[in-house]
């Protein structure tokens, strides 16, 4: 049999992970919906504020973003949770299936599975929410717009956030939910300092008669900005996922 991927082994691993984690994941998502519903209806019940049209248009979009990212941070941080206990780690690594299959299963659940579930569940929830708020308070909330360009940007950022916390989940044995953003903040700070130093060095070498005129220099940095965005949105997550896969392989040794 293929030692890297077998559809039969993969399906068994997927069923196993879903069986073990489904209650916890649904509890996290259910807690988000319940807490939000309680808070927002208390606000509508006791608040006398007059809301503008923009509030009704953007309400579900902003709420969906918050729920998507908060839930993702928690659920992704629980990936490979069995590796944080010596005894459970031993049995997990001996579970039939390659590390690549185990890696794909966790990606599928915490990334694609969660994103699809949140999108479908929120579309249903928002429809019920809009009906109730109209019947009770005559508040005309607009439905969630998933066709906007802002929604695509949100998904791009979601991919980055998932890759960061997915790597943190397999890197830190304890408290990845806390240690991952701390480590990310430290790395971003170091990168920002190095980037500023490099920028000053480059700009100091450019004289007035340099080949770049003012317009050329501006275009140069615009091109650099486009390259940076492409790297962050598309290359960066792939690199972080690949590092996470290497980290998983290290657990066997």
Protein backbone atom coordinates (compact mmCIF):
# COMPACT_ATOMS: atom_id res chain seq x y z
CA UNK A 1 0.00 0.00 0.00
CA UNK A 2 1.00 3.60 -0.56
CA UNK A 3 2.77 4.68 2.62
CA UNK A 4 1.90 8.37 2.07
CA UNK A 5 -1.76 8.32 1.13
CA UNK A 6 -4.51 5.73 1.08
CA UNK A 7 -8.12 6.77 0.63
CA UNK A 8 -9.28 3.99 2.96
CA UNK A 9 -6.86 4.98 5.73
CA UNK A 10 -7.69 8.65 5.19
CA UNK A 11 -11.44 8.04 5.51
CA UNK A 12 -10.93 6.06 8.73
CA UNK A 13 -8.75 8.82 10.18
CA UNK A 14 -11.30 11.44 9.18
CA UNK A 15 -14.15 9.52 10.86
CA UNK A 16 -11.99 9.07 13.96
CA UNK A 17 -11.12 12.76 14.25
CA UNK A 18 -14.71 13.84 13.67
CA UNK A 19 -15.97 11.37 16.29
CA UNK A 20 -13.45 12.60 18.87
CA UNK A 21 -13.71 16.34 18.23
CA UNK A 22 -17.25 16.95 16.98
CA UNK A 23 -18.79 17.58 20.42
CA UNK A 24 -16.09 20.04 21.45
CA UNK A 25 -16.16 21.92 18.13
CA UNK A 26 -19.96 22.16 18.09
CA UNK A 27 -19.89 23.34 21.71
CA UNK A 28 -17.50 26.17 20.75
CA UNK A 29 -19.63 27.22 17.79
CA UNK A 30 -22.86 26.88 19.75
CA UNK A 31 -21.42 28.96 22.59
CA UNK A 32 -20.54 31.74 20.12
CA UNK A 33 -24.02 31.83 18.63
CA UNK A 34 -25.71 31.64 22.03
CA UNK A 35 -23.60 34.37 23.62
CA UNK A 36 -24.01 36.68 20.64
CA UNK A 37 -27.77 36.13 20.51
CA UNK A 38 -28.17 36.81 24.22
CA UNK A 39 -26.07 39.98 24.17
CA UNK A 40 -27.54 41.49 21.00
CA UNK A 41 -31.15 40.90 22.02
CA UNK A 42 -30.48 42.45 25.42
CA UNK A 43 -29.09 45.46 23.58
CA UNK A 44 -32.15 45.70 21.31
CA UNK A 45 -34.49 45.25 24.26
CA UNK A 46 -33.06 47.96 26.49
CA UNK A 47 -31.35 50.33 24.06
CA UNK A 48 -33.20 53.30 22.58
CA UNK A 49 -30.50 54.14 20.05
CA UNK A 50 -31.54 54.98 16.48
CA UNK A 51 -29.48 52.97 13.98
CA UNK A 52 -28.48 54.25 10.55
CA UNK A 53 -28.72 52.41 7.22
CA UNK A 54 -25.03 51.44 7.24
CA UNK A 55 -25.50 49.56 10.50
CA UNK A 56 -28.22 47.37 8.99
CA UNK A 57 -26.14 46.73 5.84
CA UNK A 58 -22.89 45.77 7.54
CA UNK A 59 -24.18 44.14 10.73
CA UNK A 60 -24.12 40.52 9.53
CA UNK A 61 -20.87 40.94 7.62
CA UNK A 62 -19.02 42.23 10.70
CA UNK A 63 -20.65 39.66 12.99
CA UNK A 64 -19.79 36.80 10.64
CA UNK A 65 -16.15 37.91 10.46
CA UNK A 66 -15.85 38.03 14.24
CA UNK A 67 -17.46 34.61 14.70
CA UNK A 68 -15.43 33.07 11.86
CA UNK A 69 -12.09 34.17 13.30
CA UNK A 70 -12.86 33.60 16.99
CA UNK A 71 -14.12 30.07 16.33
CA UNK A 72 -11.22 29.33 13.99
CA UNK A 73 -8.65 30.39 16.57
CA UNK A 74 -10.11 28.03 19.18
CA UNK A 75 -10.81 25.05 16.91
CA UNK A 76 -7.50 25.27 15.03
CA UNK A 77 -5.56 25.55 18.29
CA UNK A 78 -7.05 22.20 19.35
CA UNK A 79 -5.59 20.45 16.28
CA UNK A 80 -3.24 17.56 17.17
CA UNK A 81 -4.30 17.91 20.81
CA UNK A 82 -3.39 14.27 21.47
CA UNK A 83 0.28 15.07 20.82
CA UNK A 84 0.36 17.22 23.98
CA UNK A 85 0.01 14.18 26.22
CA UNK A 86 2.77 11.53 26.26
CA UNK A 87 0.46 8.53 26.50
CA UNK A 88 -2.10 9.82 24.01
CA UNK A 89 0.72 10.92 21.70
CA UNK A 90 2.09 7.38 21.63
CA UNK A 91 -1.27 5.88 20.59
CA UNK A 92 -1.95 8.69 18.12
CA UNK A 93 1.34 8.16 16.29
CA UNK A 94 0.65 4.41 16.17
CA UNK A 95 -2.82 4.96 14.69
CA UNK A 96 -2.86 3.41 11.18
CA UNK A 97 -2.19 6.20 8.73
CA UNK A 98 0.72 8.25 7.48
CA UNK A 99 1.66 11.63 8.93
CA UNK A 100 0.60 13.17 5.64
CA UNK A 101 -2.88 11.70 6.03
CA UNK A 102 -3.12 12.90 9.64
CA UNK A 103 -1.97 16.32 8.53
CA UNK A 104 -4.58 16.49 5.74
CA UNK A 105 -7.35 15.31 8.08
CA UNK A 106 -6.66 18.13 10.54
CA UNK A 107 -6.43 20.67 7.70
CA UNK A 108 -9.72 19.45 6.27
CA UNK A 109 -11.55 19.68 9.59
CA UNK A 110 -10.14 22.90 11.02
CA UNK A 111 -9.86 24.79 7.73
CA UNK A 112 -12.29 23.71 4.99
CA UNK A 113 -14.81 21.89 7.17
CA UNK A 114 -15.06 24.68 9.71
CA UNK A 115 -15.25 27.44 7.07
CA UNK A 116 -18.06 25.69 5.16
CA UNK A 117 -19.98 24.88 8.33
CA UNK A 118 -19.74 28.47 9.58
CA UNK A 119 -20.84 29.90 6.24
CA UNK A 120 -23.88 27.63 5.91
CA UNK A 121 -24.86 27.86 9.57
CA UNK A 122 -24.52 31.65 9.62
CA UNK A 123 -26.60 32.08 6.47
CA UNK A 124 -29.35 30.05 8.16
CA UNK A 125 -28.89 31.84 11.48
CA UNK A 126 -28.93 35.31 9.91
CA UNK A 127 -32.17 34.55 8.06
CA UNK A 128 -33.86 33.52 11.30
CA UNK A 129 -32.29 36.47 13.10
CA UNK A 130 -33.58 38.93 10.48
CA UNK A 131 -37.10 37.51 10.70
CA UNK A 132 -37.19 37.69 14.52
CA UNK A 133 -35.75 41.21 14.76
CA UNK A 134 -38.23 42.44 12.17
CA UNK A 135 -41.19 40.85 13.92
CA UNK A 136 -40.16 42.09 17.37
CA UNK A 137 -38.41 45.41 16.74
CA UNK A 138 -39.07 46.27 13.06
CA UNK A 139 -35.33 46.37 12.40
CA UNK A 140 -34.58 45.80 8.67
CA UNK A 141 -31.27 43.93 8.68
CA UNK A 142 -29.73 43.10 5.30
CA UNK A 143 -28.65 39.51 4.55
CA UNK A 144 -25.00 38.51 4.56
CA UNK A 145 -23.40 39.44 1.22
CA UNK A 146 -20.83 36.83 0.22
CA UNK A 147 -20.41 38.22 -3.29
CA UNK A 148 -18.58 41.39 -2.24
CA UNK A 149 -14.84 41.97 -2.75
CA UNK A 150 -14.50 42.50 1.01
CA UNK A 151 -15.66 38.94 1.57
CA UNK A 152 -12.80 37.65 -0.60
CA UNK A 153 -10.33 39.70 1.44
CA UNK A 154 -11.74 38.22 4.63
CA UNK A 155 -11.23 34.70 3.27
CA UNK A 156 -7.64 35.53 2.37
CA UNK A 157 -6.96 36.77 5.89
CA UNK A 158 -8.75 33.71 7.27
CA UNK A 159 -6.31 31.46 5.39
CA UNK A 160 -3.36 33.32 6.91
CA UNK A 161 -4.81 33.18 10.42
CA UNK A 162 -5.51 29.46 10.12
CA UNK A 163 -1.99 28.65 8.91
CA UNK A 164 -0.48 30.62 11.80
CA UNK A 165 -2.56 28.95 14.52
CA UNK A 166 -2.28 25.55 12.84
CA UNK A 167 1.50 25.78 13.08
CA UNK A 168 1.18 26.99 16.66
CA UNK A 169 -1.05 24.03 17.52
CA UNK A 170 1.66 21.54 16.61
CA UNK A 171 4.60 23.66 17.81
CA UNK A 172 3.51 24.45 21.37
CA UNK A 173 2.71 21.58 23.71
CA UNK A 174 0.87 23.87 26.12
CA UNK A 175 -1.34 26.90 25.66
CA UNK A 176 -0.99 27.33 21.85
CA UNK A 177 -4.02 29.62 21.97
CA UNK A 178 -1.98 32.11 24.01
CA UNK A 179 1.59 31.39 22.89
CA UNK A 180 0.86 31.54 19.16
CA UNK A 181 -0.18 35.24 19.05
CA UNK A 182 2.67 36.13 21.42
CA UNK A 183 5.21 34.40 19.18
CA UNK A 184 3.61 36.00 16.12
CA UNK A 185 3.84 39.46 17.68
CA UNK A 186 7.53 38.97 18.49
CA UNK A 187 8.34 37.75 14.97
CA UNK A 188 6.38 40.59 13.34
CA UNK A 189 8.19 43.12 15.53
CA UNK A 190 11.58 41.70 14.56
CA UNK A 191 10.58 41.67 10.89
CA UNK A 192 9.40 45.27 11.09
CA UNK A 193 12.68 46.41 12.68
CA UNK A 194 14.76 44.57 10.07
CA UNK A 195 12.56 45.90 7.26
CA UNK A 196 12.96 49.50 8.47
CA UNK A 197 16.72 49.09 8.71
CA UNK A 198 16.93 47.65 5.19
CA UNK A 199 14.69 50.40 3.80
CA UNK A 200 16.90 53.11 5.30
CA UNK A 201 20.03 51.44 3.91
CA UNK A 202 18.54 51.16 0.42
CA UNK A 203 17.20 54.72 0.36
CA UNK A 204 20.46 56.14 1.66
CA UNK A 205 22.29 54.61 -1.33
CA UNK A 206 19.98 56.28 -3.84
CA UNK A 207 21.38 59.60 -5.03
CA UNK A 208 19.57 62.33 -6.91
CA UNK A 209 20.91 61.11 -10.25
CA UNK A 210 19.89 57.52 -9.61
CA UNK A 211 18.15 55.63 -12.41
CA UNK A 212 14.89 55.84 -10.45
CA UNK A 213 13.20 59.22 -10.72
CA UNK A 214 10.40 60.14 -8.33
CA UNK A 215 7.77 58.39 -10.39
CA UNK A 216 9.98 55.38 -10.98
CA UNK A 217 10.70 55.03 -7.27
CA UNK A 218 6.99 55.21 -6.50
CA UNK A 219 6.22 52.52 -9.05
CA UNK A 220 9.02 50.40 -7.64
CA UNK A 221 7.49 50.42 -4.17
CA UNK A 222 4.02 49.78 -5.60
CA UNK A 223 5.41 46.71 -7.30
CA UNK A 224 7.06 45.66 -4.06
CA UNK A 225 3.74 46.09 -2.25
CA UNK A 226 1.99 43.85 -4.76
CA UNK A 227 4.67 41.20 -4.37
CA UNK A 228 4.38 41.42 -0.59
CA UNK A 229 0.59 40.94 -0.71
CA UNK A 230 0.93 37.93 -3.01
CA UNK A 231 3.53 36.43 -0.69
CA UNK A 232 1.45 36.99 2.44
CA UNK A 233 -1.87 35.79 1.01
CA UNK A 234 -0.75 32.85 -1.13
CA UNK A 235 2.85 31.79 -0.47
CA UNK A 236 2.96 32.46 3.27
CA UNK A 237 0.19 30.03 4.28
CA UNK A 238 1.70 27.26 2.13
CA UNK A 239 5.06 27.76 3.83
CA UNK A 240 3.51 27.70 7.31
CA UNK A 241 1.50 24.55 6.51
CA UNK A 242 4.64 22.88 5.16
CA UNK A 243 6.55 23.76 8.34
CA UNK A 244 3.65 22.34 10.37
CA UNK A 245 3.94 19.11 8.37
CA UNK A 246 7.67 18.93 9.12
CA UNK A 247 6.93 19.53 12.79
CA UNK A 248 4.49 16.62 12.74
CA UNK A 249 7.16 14.36 11.25
CA UNK A 250 9.51 15.35 14.06
CA UNK A 251 7.10 13.94 16.63
CA UNK A 252 8.00 10.39 15.52
CA UNK A 253 11.59 10.83 16.64
